[in-house]
Amino acid sequence: MAADVDTIERTSIVAYTLLNELHDVLALPKAPDDVTLGILMGLSMFMDDKVGPMRSKRLMSEAPTIVLKTDAHVTSDQMQRIMPVLRAFGDHLKDMRAKAARPVDDAVA
């Protein structure tokens, strides 16, 4: 079964950029590895939830053969192209947080 290389590449660029931005936001100057380990742990939990043990073996055997057009390196140009998507996602999260912080009494007028 042939993989949709464009989808894989786009998804990997978005994931890389998102994780890079997340790391920059969360990392403490004295303990950046703690955030990296947290990201790895979260990614492992996500993969376990989404993939499960049956498909994991197949995906992991295919993973080394997947090569981005940029030799598995995300360029700053690629990151800049998807930043509007990440900014919109961030704005959405801020809006959700603001709505959650409003008291219920404010909704009734």
Protein backbone atom coordinates (compact mmCIF):
# COMPACT_ATOMS: atom_id res chain seq x y z
CA MET A 1 0.00 0.00 0.00
CA ALA A 2 1.52 3.32 -1.08
CA ALA A 3 1.51 6.12 1.45
CA ASP A 4 0.26 9.59 0.65
CA VAL A 5 3.67 11.27 0.85
CA ASP A 6 2.25 14.80 0.65
CA THR A 7 -0.03 14.19 3.63
CA ILE A 8 2.79 12.59 5.60
CA GLU A 9 5.15 15.46 4.79
CA ARG A 10 2.62 18.21 5.60
CA THR A 11 1.62 16.50 8.83
CA SER A 12 5.22 16.05 9.92
CA ILE A 13 6.02 19.72 9.23
CA VAL A 14 2.98 20.86 11.22
CA ALA A 15 3.80 18.47 14.08
CA TYR A 16 7.45 19.54 14.17
CA THR A 17 6.57 23.23 14.17
CA LEU A 18 3.86 22.79 16.80
CA LEU A 19 6.18 20.84 19.08
CA ASN A 20 8.97 23.36 18.53
CA GLU A 21 6.67 26.25 19.49
CA LEU A 22 5.29 24.30 22.45
CA HIS A 23 8.79 23.56 23.69
CA ASP A 24 9.76 27.24 23.42
CA VAL A 25 6.70 28.25 25.45
CA LEU A 26 7.07 25.62 28.18
CA ALA A 27 10.83 25.14 28.54
CA LEU A 28 12.54 26.53 31.58
CA PRO A 29 16.07 27.81 30.94
CA LYS A 30 17.47 25.59 33.70
CA ALA A 31 15.52 22.45 32.76
CA PRO A 32 14.70 22.30 29.02
CA ASP A 33 15.01 18.51 28.99
CA ASP A 34 12.07 18.18 31.38
CA VAL A 35 9.79 19.68 28.74
CA THR A 36 11.34 17.47 26.05
CA LEU A 37 10.67 14.41 28.19
CA GLY A 38 7.10 15.59 28.79
CA ILE A 39 6.58 16.00 25.04
CA LEU A 40 7.96 12.49 24.45
CA MET A 41 5.71 11.07 27.14
CA GLY A 42 2.66 12.87 25.71
CA LEU A 43 3.52 11.76 22.19
CA SER A 44 3.89 8.17 23.40
CA MET A 45 0.50 8.31 25.11
CA PHE A 46 -1.07 9.84 21.98
CA MET A 47 0.43 7.15 19.73
CA ASP A 48 -0.62 4.38 22.08
CA ASP A 49 -4.15 5.77 22.11
CA LYS A 50 -4.37 6.33 18.34
CA VAL A 51 -2.31 3.44 17.00
CA GLY A 52 -2.40 0.70 19.57
CA PRO A 53 -0.12 -2.33 19.67
CA MET A 54 -1.36 -4.02 16.49
CA ARG A 55 -0.53 -1.22 14.05
CA SER A 56 2.46 0.04 15.99
CA LYS A 57 4.82 -2.60 14.64
CA ARG A 58 3.91 -1.80 11.02
CA LEU A 59 4.20 1.96 11.50
CA MET A 60 7.54 1.70 13.27
CA SER A 61 8.93 -0.56 10.54
CA GLU A 62 7.89 2.00 7.89
CA ALA A 63 9.03 5.08 9.80
CA PRO A 64 12.75 4.83 8.90
CA THR A 65 11.95 4.74 5.16
CA ILE A 66 9.89 7.95 5.25
CA VAL A 67 12.06 10.80 4.03
CA LEU A 68 10.90 14.37 3.78
CA LYS A 69 11.73 16.20 0.57
CA THR A 70 14.07 18.31 2.69
CA ASP A 71 15.98 15.30 4.03
CA ALA A 72 14.05 15.09 7.31
CA HIS A 73 14.75 18.70 8.18
CA VAL A 74 12.03 21.31 8.47
CA THR A 75 13.19 24.59 7.00
CA SER A 76 12.29 27.98 8.43
CA ASP A 77 10.35 28.70 5.22
CA GLN A 78 8.22 25.60 5.73
CA MET A 79 7.61 26.58 9.35
CA GLN A 80 6.61 30.12 8.37
CA ARG A 81 4.07 28.80 5.85
CA ILE A 82 2.17 26.93 8.56
CA MET A 83 2.53 29.52 11.33
CA PRO A 84 -0.85 31.14 10.47
CA VAL A 85 -2.49 27.79 11.19
CA LEU A 86 -0.70 27.50 14.53
CA ARG A 87 -1.55 31.10 15.43
CA ALA A 88 -5.22 30.46 14.66
CA PHE A 89 -5.03 27.33 16.82
CA GLY A 90 -3.47 29.35 19.63
CA ASP A 91 -6.16 32.03 19.31
CA HIS A 92 -8.81 29.30 19.47
CA LEU A 93 -7.26 27.90 22.66
CA LYS A 94 -7.12 31.40 24.21
CA ASP A 95 -10.78 31.95 23.31
CA MET A 96 -11.75 28.63 24.89
CA ARG A 97 -9.82 29.53 28.06
CA ALA A 98 -11.52 32.95 28.21
CA LYS A 99 -14.97 31.38 27.81
CA ALA A 100 -14.21 28.81 30.50
CA ALA A 101 -13.06 31.54 32.91
CA ARG A 102 -16.34 33.52 32.62
CA PRO A 103 -18.77 32.90 35.48
CA VAL A 104 -21.99 31.19 34.51
CA ASP A 105 -24.00 34.14 35.94
CA ASP A 106 -22.56 36.39 33.18
CA ALA A 107 -24.27 34.26 30.55
CA VAL A 108 -27.72 35.00 31.94
CA ALA A 109 -28.86 38.57 31.36
